[in-house]
Amino acid sequence: MVVRAGGAILAESDHALELNEGDLPPVIYFPKGDIAMAFLEASQTRATCIHKGEAHYYTIIAKSGPIRDAAWTYAEPKKAVDEIACYIAFDTEQVAV
């Protein structure tokens, strides 16, 4: 699996996890170690999911300009999805996955 934004490869992994959430499209989570973290800047945005916990967002710093809150992580996910700890997902409406 590969993530691209602004002409750059942000992530490439053979260890990505696919998380299905009911009727929503699946979300692909990439291990942080497989992501070019230099392209990501932590934002102040937070969101709470009743199933996963508190999400912390990142802005992608692309050559064409920032892509705000286009990635997120659950640093301490709920037990039912604890496998996504230390993984980051990307908004497929803002980047190519």
C-alpha atoms as a PDB file:
ATOM      1  CA  MET A   1       0.000   0.000   0.000  1.00  0.00           C
ATOM      2  CA  VAL A   2       1.187   3.499  -0.884  1.00  0.00           C
ATOM      3  CA  VAL A   3       0.047   7.014   0.106  1.00  0.00           C
ATOM      4  CA  ARG A   4       0.797   9.956  -2.191  1.00  0.00           C
ATOM      5  CA  ALA A   5       0.129  13.664  -1.752  1.00  0.00           C
ATOM      6  CA  GLY A   6       1.446  16.730  -3.526  1.00  0.00           C
ATOM      7  CA  GLY A   7       3.643  14.600  -5.784  1.00  0.00           C
ATOM      8  CA  ALA A   8       5.430  12.856  -2.903  1.00  0.00           C
ATOM      9  CA  ILE A   9       5.176   9.358  -1.479  1.00  0.00           C
ATOM     10  CA  LEU A  10       4.216   9.761   2.172  1.00  0.00           C
ATOM     11  CA  ALA A  11       3.935   6.108   3.124  1.00  0.00           C
ATOM     12  CA  GLU A  12       4.654   2.703   1.683  1.00  0.00           C
ATOM     13  CA  SER A  13       3.946  -0.467   3.620  1.00  0.00           C
ATOM     14  CA  ASP A  14       3.372  -4.185   3.401  1.00  0.00           C
ATOM     15  CA  HIS A  15       2.029  -4.039   6.962  1.00  0.00           C
ATOM     16  CA  ALA A  16      -0.948  -1.682   6.595  1.00  0.00           C
ATOM     17  CA  LEU A  17      -4.147  -2.617   8.420  1.00  0.00           C
ATOM     18  CA  GLU A  18      -7.626  -2.326   6.937  1.00  0.00           C
ATOM     19  CA  LEU A  19     -10.341  -1.393   9.426  1.00  0.00           C
ATOM     20  CA  ASN A  20     -13.973  -1.879   8.417  1.00  0.00           C
ATOM     21  CA  GLU A  21     -16.535   0.317  10.124  1.00  0.00           C
ATOM     22  CA  GLY A  22     -20.046  -0.820   9.293  1.00  0.00           C
ATOM     23  CA  ASP A  23     -21.373   0.673   6.057  1.00  0.00           C
ATOM     24  CA  LEU A  24     -18.475   3.140   5.709  1.00  0.00           C
ATOM     25  CA  PRO A  25     -15.632   2.499   3.266  1.00  0.00           C
ATOM     26  CA  PRO A  26     -12.688   0.671   4.875  1.00  0.00           C
ATOM     27  CA  VAL A  27      -9.921   2.802   6.398  1.00  0.00           C
ATOM     28  CA  ILE A  28      -6.282   1.846   5.824  1.00  0.00           C
ATOM     29  CA  TYR A  29      -3.902   2.423   8.756  1.00  0.00           C
ATOM     30  CA  PHE A  30      -0.145   2.574   8.125  1.00  0.00           C
ATOM     31  CA  PRO A  31       2.537   1.828  10.737  1.00  0.00           C
ATOM     32  CA  LYS A  32       4.288   5.058  11.760  1.00  0.00           C
ATOM     33  CA  GLY A  33       7.623   3.450  10.914  1.00  0.00           C
ATOM     34  CA  ASP A  34       6.532   3.166   7.264  1.00  0.00           C
ATOM     35  CA  ILE A  35       5.536   6.846   6.986  1.00  0.00           C
ATOM     36  CA  ALA A  36       7.763   9.793   6.039  1.00  0.00           C
ATOM     37  CA  MET A  37       6.898  11.653   9.256  1.00  0.00           C
ATOM     38  CA  ALA A  38       8.836  14.736   8.067  1.00  0.00           C
ATOM     39  CA  PHE A  39       5.788  15.470   5.868  1.00  0.00           C
ATOM     40  CA  LEU A  40       3.383  15.391   8.836  1.00  0.00           C
ATOM     41  CA  GLU A  41       2.873  18.130  11.391  1.00  0.00           C
ATOM     42  CA  ALA A  42       0.700  17.518  14.457  1.00  0.00           C
ATOM     43  CA  SER A  43      -2.365  19.755  14.478  1.00  0.00           C
ATOM     44  CA  GLN A  44      -4.499  20.854  17.397  1.00  0.00           C
ATOM     45  CA  THR A  45      -7.534  19.019  16.002  1.00  0.00           C
ATOM     46  CA  ARG A  46      -8.990  16.205  18.086  1.00  0.00           C
ATOM     47  CA  ALA A  47     -12.082  14.073  17.544  1.00  0.00           C
ATOM     48  CA  THR A  48     -13.688  11.362  19.607  1.00  0.00           C
ATOM     49  CA  CYS A  49     -15.061   8.147  18.176  1.00  0.00           C
ATOM     50  CA  ILE A  50     -17.239   6.053  20.465  1.00  0.00           C
ATOM     51  CA  HIS A  51     -15.699   2.884  18.984  1.00  0.00           C
ATOM     52  CA  LYS A  52     -12.011   3.850  18.744  1.00  0.00           C
ATOM     53  CA  GLY A  53     -11.319   6.650  21.244  1.00  0.00           C
ATOM     54  CA  GLU A  54      -9.666  10.044  20.756  1.00  0.00           C
ATOM     55  CA  ALA A  55      -8.086  10.795  17.394  1.00  0.00           C
ATOM     56  CA  HIS A  56      -5.180  13.216  17.013  1.00  0.00           C
ATOM     57  CA  TYR A  57      -4.789  14.804  13.577  1.00  0.00           C
ATOM     58  CA  TYR A  58      -1.881  15.764  11.343  1.00  0.00           C
ATOM     59  CA  THR A  59      -1.508  18.336   8.593  1.00  0.00           C
ATOM     60  CA  ILE A  60       0.473  17.126   5.596  1.00  0.00           C
ATOM     61  CA  ILE A  61       3.196  19.551   4.571  1.00  0.00           C
ATOM     62  CA  ALA A  62       3.170  19.147   0.788  1.00  0.00           C
ATOM     63  CA  LYS A  63       5.166  21.013  -1.833  1.00  0.00           C
ATOM     64  CA  SER A  64       1.895  22.502  -3.095  1.00  0.00           C
ATOM     65  CA  GLY A  65       0.944  23.696   0.406  1.00  0.00           C
ATOM     66  CA  PRO A  66      -0.470  22.278   3.634  1.00  0.00           C
ATOM     67  CA  ILE A  67      -3.250  19.704   3.541  1.00  0.00           C
ATOM     68  CA  ARG A  68      -4.965  20.307   6.849  1.00  0.00           C
ATOM     69  CA  ASP A  69      -6.031  17.451   9.098  1.00  0.00           C
ATOM     70  CA  ALA A  70      -5.565  14.866   6.334  1.00  0.00           C
ATOM     71  CA  ALA A  71      -4.202  12.152   8.623  1.00  0.00           C
ATOM     72  CA  TRP A  72      -5.038  10.905  12.094  1.00  0.00           C
ATOM     73  CA  THR A  73      -3.973   8.457  14.753  1.00  0.00           C
ATOM     74  CA  TYR A  74      -5.418   6.904  17.876  1.00  0.00           C
ATOM     75  CA  ALA A  75      -2.513   6.960  20.332  1.00  0.00           C
ATOM     76  CA  GLU A  76      -4.523   5.039  22.914  1.00  0.00           C
ATOM     77  CA  PRO A  77      -7.338   3.291  21.031  1.00  0.00           C
ATOM     78  CA  LYS A  78     -10.049   1.347  22.795  1.00  0.00           C
ATOM     79  CA  LYS A  79      -9.298  -2.308  23.484  1.00  0.00           C
ATOM     80  CA  ALA A  80     -11.469  -3.577  20.615  1.00  0.00           C
ATOM     81  CA  VAL A  81      -9.166  -1.839  18.081  1.00  0.00           C
ATOM     82  CA  ASP A  82      -5.887  -1.735  19.973  1.00  0.00           C
ATOM     83  CA  GLU A  83      -4.037  -3.036  16.889  1.00  0.00           C
ATOM     84  CA  ILE A  84      -4.224   0.489  15.359  1.00  0.00           C
ATOM     85  CA  ALA A  85      -2.083   2.032  18.127  1.00  0.00           C
ATOM     86  CA  CYS A  86       1.058   3.520  16.501  1.00  0.00           C
ATOM     87  CA  TYR A  87      -0.669   3.541  13.100  1.00  0.00           C
ATOM     88  CA  ILE A  88      -1.838   6.526  11.039  1.00  0.00           C
ATOM     89  CA  ALA A  89      -4.746   6.720   8.596  1.00  0.00           C
ATOM     90  CA  PHE A  90      -5.102   9.167   5.715  1.00  0.00           C
ATOM     91  CA  ASP A  91      -8.162  10.952   4.344  1.00  0.00           C
ATOM     92  CA  THR A  92      -8.649   9.404   0.911  1.00  0.00           C
ATOM     93  CA  GLU A  93     -10.524  12.498  -0.248  1.00  0.00           C
ATOM     94  CA  GLN A  94      -7.326  14.530   0.233  1.00  0.00           C
ATOM     95  CA  VAL A  95      -4.568  12.048  -0.631  1.00  0.00           C
ATOM     96  CA  ALA A  96      -4.203   9.005  -2.899  1.00  0.00           C
ATOM     97  CA  VAL A  97      -4.108   5.657  -1.092  1.00  0.00           C
END
